[in-house]
Amino acid sequence: MSLAQQVNAPLIGVPGGRHLLDTPALLVDLPAMTRNIERMAAFAKARGIHLRPHVKTHKSVEIARRQVAAGAIGVSCVTMGEAEIMVNAGIRGVLVTSPAVTPSKIARLVKLAQHAVPGGLMVVVDNPRNAADLAQAAGGLTHPLDVLVDYGAGYNRTGAATEAQVLELAALIAAEPRLRLRGLQAYAGNLQHIVARDERSAAAAALRETVAGIVAAARRQGIHFEIVTGAGTGTHDLDSQDNAFTELQAGSYVFMDAEYAQVLASGTEPSPFEVSLFVQTAVVSTNAAEWVTVDGGSKCFSTDSGVPLVAKGVDAASRYAFFGDEHGKLMVAGPRPALGTRVEFVTPHCDPTVNLHDWYHVVDGGKLMAIWPVDARGKR
């Protein structure tokens, strides 16, 4: 148990406990997060598409269980460490969305597959050599190892780059008795944060057309992709059209952040999801005339997507700037806060911000309801 958890745990259930936390503290607004989980589950059900949300956002067994209870068919994990946490916690339908290629990662994958029910663990493959290595390693399993072909989707962070490469790899996997071809992954992370709705829509439509073409070409060769997975929070409503995908991998919807709030507010309708993740800081210095200093810096917030936005504690027009590892500079609009004032921020990018913290402080209004671990923090 960390010192911060020891200090904050006695505040659970105490009226006003939210405002007494040892800071900086990662907060989850439980009612807002619950509504987000329920809204995405209801959306997927209404569109007739499955939901396999990405746990790279929250890295939490408790939150994954709530997503599955609401209707998700499983979860997506980008690292083997995340997958180990989820499978060992009893979460089924775990998809590892990045290839496992080194001997150590393949050994961990096969060991995990031994404990998972058939179909309970899947991994993507984008290279024939990797497929051969996986087949050899899977020889001792009592059931074939479930794999999906990873398509680069124009982004090419991972994935086969062309339709021909996808089909060649799919045929190789389908012919290998130690592997079981389950489907196709086509995740385009580069489309998720396109702010202009019409531009994002056009790019997503082009990808869906390409994916549908690959699936049709595979069918003509006698290859069946049972699963076609991809999409994210930024394209969830777009990629649930045209029957190109069978499931969504959206993850950030559960929390939202400054960037996604801007993206999903760019259409004609307001965002269906609420910001439910915050970082609470305290004002630790008021001596400078032009700003105050808070106790949350680059070790508290991600630095890859702009700066935190003020949510509570001071005027929302106040501006944050990074001020070192442990501090932030806050140019305050309106009345200056007193020493010790709690200021809460919307995170710039939820996923890497979560990975900087050990615990979620789960709040409902002014009350601290629970403290949950960030189970898969730092798990590779």
Protein backbone atom coordinates (compact mmCIF):
# COMPACT_ATOMS: atom_id res chain seq x y z
CA MET A 1 0.00 0.00 0.00
CA SER A 2 1.44 3.37 -1.01
CA LEU A 3 1.75 6.25 1.43
CA ALA A 4 -0.86 8.18 -0.58
CA GLN A 5 -3.31 5.30 -0.27
CA GLN A 6 -2.67 5.00 3.46
CA VAL A 7 -3.41 8.70 3.86
CA ASN A 8 -6.51 8.72 1.65
CA ALA A 9 -8.13 5.39 2.56
CA PRO A 10 -9.57 6.70 5.86
CA LEU A 11 -11.47 9.31 3.83
CA ILE A 12 -13.62 6.67 2.10
CA GLY A 13 -17.25 7.39 2.88
CA VAL A 14 -16.47 10.63 4.71
CA PRO A 15 -18.66 13.56 3.55
CA GLY A 16 -16.41 16.02 1.74
CA GLY A 17 -13.58 13.49 1.61
CA ARG A 18 -12.95 14.32 -2.04
CA HIS A 19 -11.67 17.73 -0.99
CA LEU A 20 -9.32 16.38 1.68
CA LEU A 21 -7.25 14.04 -0.49
CA ASP A 22 -3.47 13.90 -0.37
CA THR A 23 -2.47 15.34 -3.73
CA PRO A 24 -1.85 14.89 -6.56
CA ALA A 25 -4.63 12.32 -6.86
CA LEU A 26 -6.13 10.63 -9.91
CA LEU A 27 -9.93 10.86 -9.68
CA VAL A 28 -12.70 8.90 -11.38
CA ASP A 29 -16.20 10.35 -11.27
CA LEU A 30 -18.11 7.11 -10.75
CA PRO A 31 -21.56 8.23 -12.00
CA ALA A 32 -20.07 9.79 -15.15
CA MET A 33 -17.90 6.76 -15.89
CA THR A 34 -20.87 4.44 -15.36
CA ARG A 35 -22.95 6.46 -17.80
CA ASN A 36 -20.15 6.31 -20.37
CA ILE A 37 -19.90 2.53 -20.06
CA GLU A 38 -23.65 2.12 -20.36
CA ARG A 39 -23.96 4.52 -23.31
CA MET A 40 -21.28 2.80 -25.39
CA ALA A 41 -22.73 -0.62 -24.60
CA ALA A 42 -26.22 0.56 -25.58
CA PHE A 43 -24.86 2.18 -28.74
CA ALA A 44 -23.10 -1.02 -29.84
CA LYS A 45 -26.18 -3.12 -29.11
CA ALA A 46 -28.41 -0.75 -31.10
CA ARG A 47 -26.00 -0.86 -34.06
CA GLY A 48 -25.73 -4.66 -33.90
CA ILE A 49 -21.96 -4.59 -33.42
CA HIS A 50 -19.82 -6.14 -30.68
CA LEU A 51 -17.71 -4.14 -28.25
CA ARG A 52 -14.23 -5.25 -27.15
CA PRO A 53 -12.96 -2.11 -25.38
CA HIS A 54 -9.28 -1.37 -25.04
CA VAL A 55 -7.90 -1.62 -21.50
CA LYS A 56 -4.80 0.39 -22.41
CA THR A 57 -6.93 3.35 -21.38
CA HIS A 58 -7.73 2.32 -17.81
CA LYS A 59 -5.51 -0.72 -17.04
CA SER A 60 -8.05 -1.71 -14.39
CA VAL A 61 -9.60 -5.10 -13.68
CA GLU A 62 -12.52 -3.46 -11.88
CA ILE A 63 -13.36 -1.23 -14.84
CA ALA A 64 -12.93 -4.11 -17.31
CA ARG A 65 -15.39 -6.17 -15.29
CA ARG A 66 -17.90 -3.34 -15.38
CA GLN A 67 -17.53 -3.05 -19.16
CA VAL A 68 -18.08 -6.77 -19.63
CA ALA A 69 -21.04 -6.73 -17.25
CA ALA A 70 -22.57 -3.96 -19.38
CA GLY A 71 -22.29 -6.06 -22.55
CA ALA A 72 -18.71 -6.06 -23.86
CA ILE A 73 -17.66 -9.44 -25.28
CA GLY A 74 -14.13 -9.12 -23.92
CA VAL A 75 -11.29 -6.61 -23.87
CA SER A 76 -8.41 -5.53 -26.07
CA CYS A 77 -4.87 -5.25 -24.66
CA VAL A 78 -1.85 -3.75 -26.34
CA THR A 79 0.79 -5.37 -24.09
CA MET A 80 1.32 -8.89 -22.88
CA GLY A 81 1.40 -7.56 -19.33
CA GLU A 82 -2.09 -6.12 -19.70
CA ALA A 83 -3.31 -9.42 -21.13
CA GLU A 84 -1.78 -11.39 -18.25
CA ILE A 85 -3.53 -9.16 -15.72
CA MET A 86 -6.90 -9.51 -17.46
CA VAL A 87 -6.79 -13.27 -18.16
CA ASN A 88 -5.57 -14.05 -14.64
CA ALA A 89 -8.45 -11.96 -13.28
CA GLY A 90 -10.93 -14.13 -15.17
CA ILE A 91 -11.72 -11.72 -18.01
CA ARG A 92 -12.59 -13.69 -21.16
CA GLY A 93 -12.30 -12.70 -24.79
CA VAL A 94 -8.89 -11.02 -24.46
CA LEU A 95 -7.33 -9.81 -27.72
CA VAL A 96 -3.66 -8.80 -27.78
CA THR A 97 -3.62 -6.09 -30.45
CA SER A 98 0.15 -5.89 -31.01
CA PRO A 99 2.26 -8.77 -32.38
CA ALA A 100 4.21 -10.90 -29.89
CA VAL A 101 7.48 -11.58 -31.71
CA THR A 102 10.40 -11.99 -29.29
CA PRO A 103 11.05 -15.39 -27.68
CA SER A 104 10.15 -14.08 -24.22
CA LYS A 105 6.86 -12.55 -25.39
CA ILE A 106 5.92 -15.70 -27.32
CA ALA A 107 6.68 -17.85 -24.29
CA ARG A 108 4.49 -15.61 -22.11
CA LEU A 109 1.70 -15.74 -24.68
CA VAL A 110 1.71 -19.53 -24.88
CA LYS A 111 1.86 -19.88 -21.10
CA LEU A 112 -1.13 -17.55 -20.81
CA ALA A 113 -3.00 -19.46 -23.51
CA GLN A 114 -2.60 -22.63 -21.43
CA HIS A 115 -4.69 -21.03 -18.70
CA ALA A 116 -7.28 -19.41 -20.96
CA VAL A 117 -10.37 -21.21 -22.22
CA PRO A 118 -10.40 -21.90 -26.00
CA GLY A 119 -11.14 -18.59 -27.68
CA GLY A 120 -10.43 -16.73 -24.45
CA LEU A 121 -7.11 -15.33 -25.69
CA MET A 122 -6.24 -14.13 -29.20
CA VAL A 123 -3.24 -12.36 -30.70
CA VAL A 124 -2.59 -10.52 -33.95
CA VAL A 125 0.06 -11.52 -36.49
CA ASP A 126 1.45 -9.41 -39.34
CA ASN A 127 4.42 -11.45 -40.56
CA PRO A 128 4.82 -15.03 -41.85
CA ARG A 129 7.92 -15.58 -39.74
CA ASN A 130 6.00 -14.62 -36.61
CA ALA A 131 3.19 -16.99 -37.61
CA ALA A 132 5.70 -19.82 -37.95
CA ASP A 133 7.27 -19.01 -34.57
CA LEU A 134 3.85 -18.95 -32.90
CA ALA A 135 2.88 -22.26 -34.51
CA GLN A 136 6.04 -23.93 -33.26
CA ALA A 137 5.58 -22.56 -29.75
CA ALA A 138 1.90 -23.56 -29.68
CA GLY A 139 2.67 -27.21 -30.33
CA GLY A 140 2.26 -28.08 -26.66
CA LEU A 141 -1.16 -26.49 -26.27
CA THR A 142 -4.26 -28.65 -26.02
CA HIS A 143 -6.03 -26.35 -28.50
CA PRO A 144 -4.85 -24.22 -31.43
CA LEU A 145 -3.65 -20.70 -30.71
CA ASP A 146 -6.23 -18.15 -31.92
CA VAL A 147 -4.82 -15.46 -34.19
CA LEU A 148 -6.02 -12.54 -36.29
CA VAL A 149 -4.22 -11.08 -39.26
CA ASP A 150 -3.15 -7.52 -38.49
CA TYR A 151 -3.69 -5.10 -41.39
CA GLY A 152 -1.79 -1.79 -41.34
CA ALA A 153 -4.94 0.18 -42.24
CA GLY A 154 -2.90 2.89 -43.92
CA TYR A 155 -1.27 3.83 -40.62
CA ASN A 156 1.18 0.92 -40.67
CA ARG A 157 2.35 1.19 -37.08
CA THR A 158 1.99 -2.57 -37.21
CA GLY A 159 0.20 -4.74 -39.75
CA ALA A 160 0.50 -6.19 -43.23
CA ALA A 161 0.77 -3.28 -45.63
CA THR A 162 -1.28 -4.59 -48.59
CA GLU A 163 -4.30 -6.72 -49.35
CA ALA A 164 -2.04 -9.28 -51.03
CA GLN A 165 0.08 -9.60 -47.88
CA VAL A 166 -3.04 -10.00 -45.75
CA LEU A 167 -4.39 -12.78 -47.95
CA GLU A 168 -1.06 -14.57 -48.14
CA LEU A 169 -0.71 -14.51 -44.37
CA ALA A 170 -4.32 -15.56 -43.81
CA ALA A 171 -3.89 -18.56 -46.12
CA LEU A 172 -0.70 -19.57 -44.30
CA ILE A 173 -2.41 -19.39 -40.91
CA ALA A 174 -5.51 -21.23 -42.11
CA ALA A 175 -3.32 -24.10 -43.31
CA GLU A 176 -1.44 -24.39 -39.99
CA PRO A 177 -3.17 -26.86 -37.61
CA ARG A 178 -1.51 -25.37 -34.51
CA LEU A 179 -3.06 -21.98 -35.25
CA ARG A 180 -6.69 -21.01 -35.71
CA LEU A 181 -7.51 -18.06 -37.95
CA ARG A 182 -10.17 -15.97 -36.23
CA GLY A 183 -10.26 -12.76 -38.17
CA LEU A 184 -8.79 -9.46 -39.26
CA GLN A 185 -7.66 -6.42 -37.29
CA ALA A 186 -7.71 -3.01 -39.01
CA TYR A 187 -7.11 -0.34 -36.40
CA ALA A 188 -6.31 3.16 -37.68
CA GLY A 189 -5.12 5.15 -34.69
CA ASN A 190 -4.25 8.07 -36.95
CA LEU A 191 -7.94 8.69 -37.70
CA GLN A 192 -9.17 8.88 -34.13
CA HIS A 193 -8.08 12.44 -33.36
CA ILE A 194 -8.94 14.18 -36.64
CA VAL A 195 -10.87 17.15 -35.28
CA ALA A 196 -12.89 18.06 -38.39
CA ARG A 197 -15.89 15.73 -38.46
CA ASP A 198 -16.23 15.66 -42.26
CA GLU A 199 -12.53 14.92 -42.73
CA ARG A 200 -12.62 12.16 -40.12
CA SER A 201 -15.77 10.71 -41.67
CA ALA A 202 -14.27 10.62 -45.17
CA ALA A 203 -11.07 8.95 -43.96
CA ALA A 204 -13.01 6.35 -41.97
CA ALA A 205 -15.30 5.62 -44.92
CA ALA A 206 -12.28 5.03 -47.17
CA LEU A 207 -10.85 2.56 -44.67
CA ARG A 208 -14.15 0.71 -44.33
CA GLU A 209 -14.30 0.34 -48.11
CA THR A 210 -10.77 -1.09 -48.15
CA VAL A 211 -11.53 -3.47 -45.28
CA ALA A 212 -14.72 -4.68 -46.97
CA GLY A 213 -12.70 -5.32 -50.13
CA ILE A 214 -10.13 -7.39 -48.24
CA VAL A 215 -12.85 -9.45 -46.54
CA ALA A 216 -14.56 -10.08 -49.91
CA ALA A 217 -11.28 -11.06 -51.57
CA ALA A 218 -10.55 -13.47 -48.71
CA ARG A 219 -14.01 -15.00 -49.06
CA ARG A 220 -13.40 -15.64 -52.76
CA GLN A 221 -10.31 -17.61 -51.75
CA GLY A 222 -12.27 -19.65 -49.23
CA ILE A 223 -10.94 -17.72 -46.22
CA HIS A 224 -13.46 -16.59 -43.60
CA PHE A 225 -12.79 -13.74 -41.17
CA GLU A 226 -15.20 -14.39 -38.31
CA ILE A 227 -13.98 -11.25 -36.53
CA VAL A 228 -13.21 -7.90 -38.14
CA THR A 229 -12.03 -5.60 -35.38
CA GLY A 230 -10.89 -2.01 -35.20
CA ALA A 231 -12.24 1.50 -34.71
CA GLY A 232 -11.76 3.69 -31.67
CA THR A 233 -13.54 6.35 -29.67
CA GLY A 234 -13.07 8.93 -32.42
CA THR A 235 -14.64 6.77 -35.14
CA HIS A 236 -16.95 4.50 -33.14
CA ASP A 237 -20.12 5.97 -34.65
CA LEU A 238 -18.64 5.96 -38.16
CA ASP A 239 -17.09 2.49 -38.18
CA SER A 240 -20.26 0.88 -36.88
CA GLN A 241 -21.78 1.62 -40.33
CA ASP A 242 -21.64 -0.39 -43.58
CA ASN A 243 -21.11 -3.77 -41.83
CA ALA A 244 -17.37 -3.53 -42.43
CA PHE A 245 -16.47 -4.25 -38.80
CA THR A 246 -17.94 -6.84 -36.47
CA GLU A 247 -16.61 -5.17 -33.33
CA LEU A 248 -15.26 -1.92 -31.91
CA GLN A 249 -12.04 -1.51 -29.90
CA ALA A 250 -12.90 1.93 -28.49
CA GLY A 251 -11.27 2.60 -25.12
CA SER A 252 -10.99 6.28 -24.21
CA TYR A 253 -14.77 6.78 -24.14
CA VAL A 254 -14.77 5.44 -20.58
CA PHE A 255 -12.84 8.52 -19.33
CA MET A 256 -12.52 11.04 -22.17
CA ASP A 257 -9.85 13.75 -22.08
CA ALA A 258 -9.21 17.24 -23.42
CA GLU A 259 -8.36 16.01 -26.92
CA TYR A 260 -11.24 13.57 -27.34
CA ALA A 261 -13.72 16.04 -25.88
CA GLN A 262 -12.75 18.40 -28.71
CA VAL A 263 -12.93 15.66 -31.35
CA LEU A 264 -16.36 14.33 -30.37
CA ALA A 265 -17.77 17.84 -29.99
CA SER A 266 -16.91 18.65 -33.61
CA GLY A 267 -20.08 17.16 -35.11
CA THR A 268 -23.62 18.47 -35.16
CA GLU A 269 -24.44 16.65 -31.92
CA PRO A 270 -22.72 17.05 -28.54
CA SER A 271 -20.39 14.30 -27.37
CA PRO A 272 -22.34 11.34 -25.97
CA PHE A 273 -19.60 10.76 -23.41
CA GLU A 274 -18.63 12.80 -20.36
CA VAL A 275 -15.24 13.55 -18.90
CA SER A 276 -14.97 11.23 -15.91
CA LEU A 277 -11.21 11.32 -15.24
CA PHE A 278 -9.53 14.18 -13.40
CA VAL A 279 -6.33 14.91 -11.55
CA GLN A 280 -6.71 16.83 -8.30
CA THR A 281 -3.84 19.08 -7.24
CA ALA A 282 -3.31 21.60 -4.47
CA VAL A 283 -2.00 25.15 -4.66
CA VAL A 284 1.40 24.97 -2.96
CA SER A 285 2.73 28.49 -3.59
CA THR A 286 1.05 31.86 -4.07
CA ASN A 287 4.10 34.13 -3.77
CA ALA A 288 4.55 34.94 -7.47
CA ALA A 289 2.44 37.89 -8.61
CA GLU A 290 1.63 36.46 -12.04
CA TRP A 291 0.73 32.87 -11.16
CA VAL A 292 0.22 30.26 -8.47
CA THR A 293 1.97 26.90 -8.36
CA VAL A 294 0.17 23.54 -8.04
CA ASP A 295 1.66 20.17 -7.10
CA GLY A 296 1.11 18.43 -10.43
CA GLY A 297 3.74 18.47 -13.18
CA SER A 298 5.13 16.26 -15.91
CA LYS A 299 5.19 13.21 -13.59
CA CYS A 300 1.46 13.68 -13.05
CA PHE A 301 0.07 14.53 -16.52
CA SER A 302 0.92 13.20 -19.96
CA THR A 303 2.92 15.67 -22.02
CA ASP A 304 2.14 14.41 -25.54
CA SER A 305 -1.18 16.16 -26.16
CA GLY A 306 -1.13 19.71 -24.90
CA VAL A 307 -1.79 20.85 -21.36
CA PRO A 308 -4.38 20.01 -18.70
CA LEU A 309 -7.58 22.06 -18.66
CA VAL A 310 -9.05 23.46 -15.46
CA ALA A 311 -12.20 21.63 -14.38
CA LYS A 312 -12.80 22.79 -10.78
CA GLY A 313 -11.32 25.01 -8.09
CA VAL A 314 -10.56 28.17 -10.03
CA ASP A 315 -12.05 29.97 -13.01
CA ALA A 316 -12.15 27.63 -16.04
CA ALA A 317 -10.39 30.27 -18.12
CA SER A 318 -7.25 29.85 -16.00
CA ARG A 319 -4.30 28.48 -17.96
CA TYR A 320 -1.92 25.70 -16.92
CA ALA A 321 1.72 25.36 -17.99
CA PHE A 322 4.17 22.64 -17.08
CA PHE A 323 6.58 23.92 -14.43
CA GLY A 324 8.85 20.93 -13.82
CA ASP A 325 8.53 17.31 -12.78
CA GLU A 326 6.27 17.89 -9.79
CA HIS A 327 4.77 21.35 -10.36
CA GLY A 328 2.48 23.26 -12.64
CA LYS A 329 2.20 26.99 -13.24
CA LEU A 330 -1.39 28.24 -13.15
CA MET A 331 -2.16 31.67 -14.62
CA VAL A 332 -5.38 32.36 -12.81
CA ALA A 333 -8.38 34.11 -14.32
CA GLY A 334 -10.57 35.67 -11.67
CA PRO A 335 -9.89 35.60 -7.92
CA ARG A 336 -6.55 34.13 -6.86
CA PRO A 337 -6.89 30.91 -4.87
CA ALA A 338 -5.60 30.60 -1.35
CA LEU A 339 -2.73 28.34 -0.36
CA GLY A 340 -3.96 24.73 -0.25
CA THR A 341 -6.90 25.28 -2.60
CA ARG A 342 -7.75 22.09 -4.53
CA VAL A 343 -7.73 22.50 -8.32
CA GLU A 344 -8.92 19.65 -10.53
CA PHE A 345 -7.88 19.25 -14.15
CA VAL A 346 -9.11 17.41 -17.24
CA THR A 347 -6.19 15.31 -18.48
CA PRO A 348 -4.63 16.14 -21.88
CA HIS A 349 -4.45 12.44 -22.85
CA CYS A 350 -6.09 9.91 -20.54
CA ASP A 351 -4.14 6.72 -21.36
CA PRO A 352 -0.57 7.87 -20.58
CA THR A 353 -1.78 10.01 -17.67
CA VAL A 354 -3.33 6.94 -16.02
CA ASN A 355 -0.03 5.11 -16.41
CA LEU A 356 1.65 7.73 -14.20
CA HIS A 357 -0.52 6.85 -11.20
CA ASP A 358 -0.91 3.83 -8.93
CA TRP A 359 -4.47 4.40 -7.69
CA TYR A 360 -7.87 5.64 -8.78
CA HIS A 361 -9.74 7.71 -6.21
CA VAL A 362 -13.34 6.92 -7.07
CA VAL A 363 -15.66 9.78 -6.21
CA ASP A 364 -19.36 10.54 -6.29
CA GLY A 365 -20.01 14.21 -5.74
CA GLY A 366 -17.93 15.29 -2.75
CA LYS A 367 -17.55 11.78 -1.33
CA LEU A 368 -14.65 9.37 -1.83
CA MET A 369 -16.31 6.02 -2.54
CA ALA A 370 -13.35 3.69 -3.08
CA ILE A 371 -9.69 3.44 -4.05
CA TRP A 372 -8.94 1.08 -6.95
CA PRO A 373 -5.48 0.01 -8.13
CA VAL A 374 -4.28 0.75 -11.65
CA ASP A 375 -3.60 -2.99 -11.97
CA ALA A 376 -1.68 -3.05 -15.24
CA ARG A 377 0.34 0.12 -14.72
CA GLY A 378 3.75 -0.33 -16.34
CA LYS A 379 3.01 -3.92 -17.38
CA ARG A 380 4.75 -4.66 -20.70
